[in-house]
Protein backbone atom coordinates (compact mmCIF):
# COMPACT_ATOMS: atom_id res chain seq x y z
CA MET A 1 -34.31 86.56 148.28
CA THR A 2 -36.67 84.42 150.33
CA VAL A 3 -36.60 81.06 149.05
CA PRO A 4 -39.57 78.86 148.54
CA SER A 5 -40.32 76.63 151.04
CA GLN A 6 -41.91 73.11 150.95
CA PRO A 7 -45.29 72.70 152.03
CA LEU A 8 -45.23 71.01 155.65
CA PRO A 9 -47.63 67.93 155.44
CA ALA A 10 -50.69 68.01 157.32
CA ALA A 11 -51.31 66.74 160.77
CA GLY A 12 -51.07 62.63 160.99
CA GLU A 13 -49.19 62.44 157.48
CA GLN A 14 -45.83 61.41 156.94
CA PRO A 15 -43.42 63.27 154.74
CA PRO A 16 -42.64 61.99 151.41
CA GLN A 17 -39.95 59.41 151.11
CA PRO A 18 -37.07 59.84 148.84
CA PRO A 19 -37.03 56.98 145.97
CA SER A 20 -35.08 53.74 147.04
CA ARG A 21 -31.79 53.23 145.70
CA ARG A 22 -33.32 50.07 143.88
CA HIS A 23 -35.69 52.21 142.00
CA VAL A 24 -33.23 54.83 141.20
CA ILE A 25 -30.86 52.44 139.65
CA ARG A 26 -33.52 51.11 137.45
CA ARG A 27 -34.86 54.26 136.33
CA ARG A 28 -31.32 55.09 135.09
CA ALA A 29 -31.19 51.85 133.49
CA LEU A 30 -34.01 52.00 131.87
CA THR A 31 -33.29 55.64 130.71
CA LEU A 32 -30.01 54.45 128.95
CA LEU A 33 -31.50 51.52 127.43
CA THR A 34 -33.91 54.15 125.65
CA ILE A 35 -30.95 56.72 125.06
CA VAL A 36 -29.15 53.41 123.40
CA LEU A 37 -32.24 52.11 121.62
CA LEU A 38 -32.82 55.69 120.46
CA VAL A 39 -29.30 56.59 119.07
CA GLY A 40 -27.47 53.51 118.93
CA ILE A 41 -29.71 51.59 116.56
CA PRO A 42 -29.97 54.64 113.56
CA ALA A 43 -26.22 54.92 114.07
CA GLY A 44 -25.57 51.73 113.45
CA TYR A 45 -27.79 51.46 110.79
CA LEU A 46 -26.02 55.05 109.20
CA VAL A 47 -22.35 52.88 109.99
CA ILE A 48 -23.79 50.13 107.72
CA SER A 49 -25.42 51.93 104.90
CA ALA A 50 -22.14 54.13 105.03
CA ASN A 51 -20.03 51.01 104.31
CA GLN A 52 -21.38 49.58 102.09
CA SER A 53 -22.37 52.55 99.52
CA ARG A 54 -18.51 52.88 100.19
CA ASP A 55 -17.70 49.57 98.90
CA SER A 56 -19.72 49.75 96.26
CA GLY A 57 -18.23 52.94 95.29
CA LYS A 58 -15.06 51.23 95.33
CA ASP A 59 -16.49 48.51 92.41
CA LYS A 60 -17.83 50.94 90.58
CA GLU A 61 -14.42 52.55 90.27
CA ALA A 62 -12.82 49.38 89.60
CA LYS A 63 -15.14 49.11 86.75
CA TYR A 64 -14.69 52.20 85.12
CA SER A 65 -11.07 52.96 85.85
CA ALA A 66 -10.02 49.91 83.75
CA THR A 67 -8.05 50.65 81.16
CA GLY A 68 -7.98 48.45 77.60
CA LEU A 69 -10.36 45.97 76.19
CA THR A 70 -12.14 43.92 78.17
CA VAL A 71 -13.29 40.36 76.77
CA GLY A 72 -16.59 39.86 75.86
CA TRP A 73 -19.88 41.84 73.84
CA PRO A 74 -20.72 45.23 74.56
CA SER A 75 -24.28 45.41 76.22
CA ARG A 76 -27.13 45.64 73.80
CA VAL A 77 -27.52 49.21 75.13
CA GLN A 78 -24.00 50.43 73.95
CA ARG A 79 -24.34 48.85 70.51
CA ARG A 80 -27.26 50.71 70.10
CA LEU A 81 -26.22 54.24 71.27
CA TYR A 82 -23.01 54.24 69.61
CA GLU A 83 -24.56 52.31 66.56
CA VAL A 84 -21.96 49.48 66.28
CA PRO A 85 -24.31 46.18 65.55
CA ILE A 86 -21.82 43.59 65.45
CA PRO A 87 -22.61 40.50 63.54
CA GLY A 88 -23.90 37.27 65.07
CA GLY A 89 -21.07 34.71 64.32
CA THR A 90 -18.00 36.74 65.38
CA ARG A 91 -14.79 36.02 67.11
CA ASN A 92 -12.41 37.87 69.88
CA VAL A 93 -14.76 40.25 70.83
CA ALA A 94 -13.61 43.18 73.38
CA TYR A 95 -14.70 46.60 73.91
CA TYR A 96 -14.33 49.68 76.44
CA GLU A 97 -16.13 52.45 77.15
CA THR A 98 -15.23 56.17 78.30
CA ASN A 99 -17.23 59.03 79.10
CA ASN A 100 -17.10 62.37 80.39
CA TYR A 101 -19.38 65.60 80.08
CA LYS A 102 -18.11 65.89 76.39
CA VAL A 103 -17.95 63.03 74.49
CA SER A 104 -18.15 59.13 74.51
CA ARG A 105 -16.08 56.82 72.97
CA LEU A 106 -17.05 53.07 72.58
CA TYR A 107 -14.43 50.72 71.63
CA ALA A 108 -14.93 47.72 70.15
CA GLN A 109 -12.90 45.04 68.13
CA PHE A 110 -13.81 41.72 66.55
CA LEU A 111 -12.96 38.87 63.97
CA THR A 112 -15.59 37.77 61.59
CA SER A 113 -16.06 36.48 57.90
CA ASN A 114 -16.20 38.45 54.74
CA ALA A 115 -19.99 38.17 54.87
CA GLY A 116 -19.98 39.62 58.42
CA LEU A 117 -17.85 42.27 57.40
CA GLU A 118 -20.58 43.63 54.60
CA LYS A 119 -23.19 43.36 57.38
CA TYR A 120 -21.77 45.37 59.86
CA LEU A 121 -20.72 48.14 56.76
CA GLY A 122 -24.12 47.57 55.62
CA ALA A 123 -25.54 48.30 59.09
CA ILE A 124 -23.83 51.38 59.87
CA GLY A 125 -24.63 52.82 56.19
CA SER A 126 -21.45 52.04 54.20
CA SER A 127 -19.71 49.14 52.30
CA THR A 128 -16.92 47.61 51.66
CA LEU A 129 -16.28 50.12 48.64
CA ASP A 130 -15.67 52.64 51.02
CA LEU A 131 -12.71 51.46 52.81
CA LYS A 132 -9.70 53.03 51.70
CA ARG A 133 -6.35 50.72 51.65
CA ASP A 134 -3.67 51.83 53.95
CA ASP A 135 -6.02 54.44 55.72
CA ILE A 136 -5.20 54.13 59.29
CA ALA A 137 -8.41 55.83 60.02
CA ILE A 138 -8.55 55.39 64.06
CA GLY A 139 -6.04 58.45 65.54
CA GLU A 140 -2.84 58.01 67.77
CA ARG A 141 -4.25 58.82 70.71
CA ASP A 142 -8.08 56.32 70.45
CA ARG A 143 -4.83 53.14 69.27
CA GLN A 144 -2.98 53.84 72.87
CA VAL A 145 -6.71 54.00 74.80
CA ALA A 146 -7.16 50.52 73.40
CA GLY A 147 -3.65 49.29 73.00
CA TRP A 148 -4.22 48.97 69.41
CA ASP A 149 -0.76 48.51 67.24
CA PHE A 150 -1.33 48.41 63.39
CA THR A 151 2.03 48.25 62.45
CA GLY A 152 1.78 44.28 62.25
CA PRO A 153 1.14 42.62 59.03
CA GLY A 154 -1.77 43.99 56.90
CA PRO A 155 -3.09 45.15 54.65
CA TRP A 156 -4.72 47.70 56.51
CA TYR A 157 -7.67 49.47 54.96
CA GLY A 158 -9.98 52.20 56.61
CA LEU A 159 -12.84 54.84 56.82
CA THR A 160 -14.44 56.95 58.81
CA HIS A 161 -18.39 56.96 58.89
CA ARG A 162 -19.34 60.98 59.91
CA GLN A 163 -22.72 61.55 60.85
CA LYS A 164 -24.72 64.69 61.68
CA ASP A 165 -25.03 64.87 65.90
CA PRO A 166 -26.32 63.09 67.87
CA ALA A 167 -25.35 60.42 65.72
CA PRO A 168 -22.27 59.00 66.40
CA THR A 169 -18.92 59.00 64.03
CA GLN A 170 -17.34 55.65 63.66
CA THR A 171 -14.01 56.01 62.92
CA ILE A 172 -13.07 51.83 61.65
CA VAL A 173 -9.83 49.74 60.36
CA VAL A 174 -9.83 46.48 58.80
CA ASN A 175 -7.09 44.01 58.91
CA ARG A 176 -7.18 41.76 55.52
CA SER A 177 -4.53 39.68 56.53
CA ASN A 178 -6.37 36.94 56.78
CA PRO A 179 -8.38 37.49 53.75
CA ASP A 180 -11.47 34.94 54.76
CA HIS A 181 -11.87 36.44 58.36
CA PRO A 182 -11.24 40.32 58.65
CA MET A 183 -10.44 41.51 62.33
CA ILE A 184 -12.64 45.24 62.65
CA TYR A 185 -11.43 47.49 65.08
CA VAL A 186 -13.88 50.38 65.97
CA VAL A 187 -14.08 53.20 67.58
CA SER A 188 -17.65 55.19 67.79
CA ILE A 189 -17.96 58.53 69.06
CA THR A 190 -21.05 60.65 70.53
CA HIS A 191 -21.32 64.18 71.91
CA PRO A 192 -23.58 63.48 74.21
């Protein structure tokens, strides 16, 4: 096996000089800098993005894993989707929403006036005449999820307002222990 040889320099020419140590160090530094810039910067952005995404996921998980009612009004979209038109001037408003691939539920409670109760029931296509005394329409499972206890002073009235899918079905319990300010408890169920 023959090894190719370098051509010999022509007469009077100097053989090529190896690069100086300074030049080699400079070239290696530039190569290293290029690698750091091409690999390090995108990797840094990837780490930052992953941390932001993870933090966002933790925030959402905390929000949606909360159990029990949250003080405040459900969003307008939630009220429209679940057909829970809470009348103005109500107090002690709280809600909680659960979702899965089979069913979505909105739990809501609010203290209103007799006119507010009539307005609410009228808005969903019902009236106070449909309320039945001592009818706890909200089931045990839903009471446990929302943390409701309907054993205290009453009288209690309830109704179930069924609608054809995809419209929600509402189960409603009204506490009339204060005759002028009924407390309304609602579970509105949809099947997406």
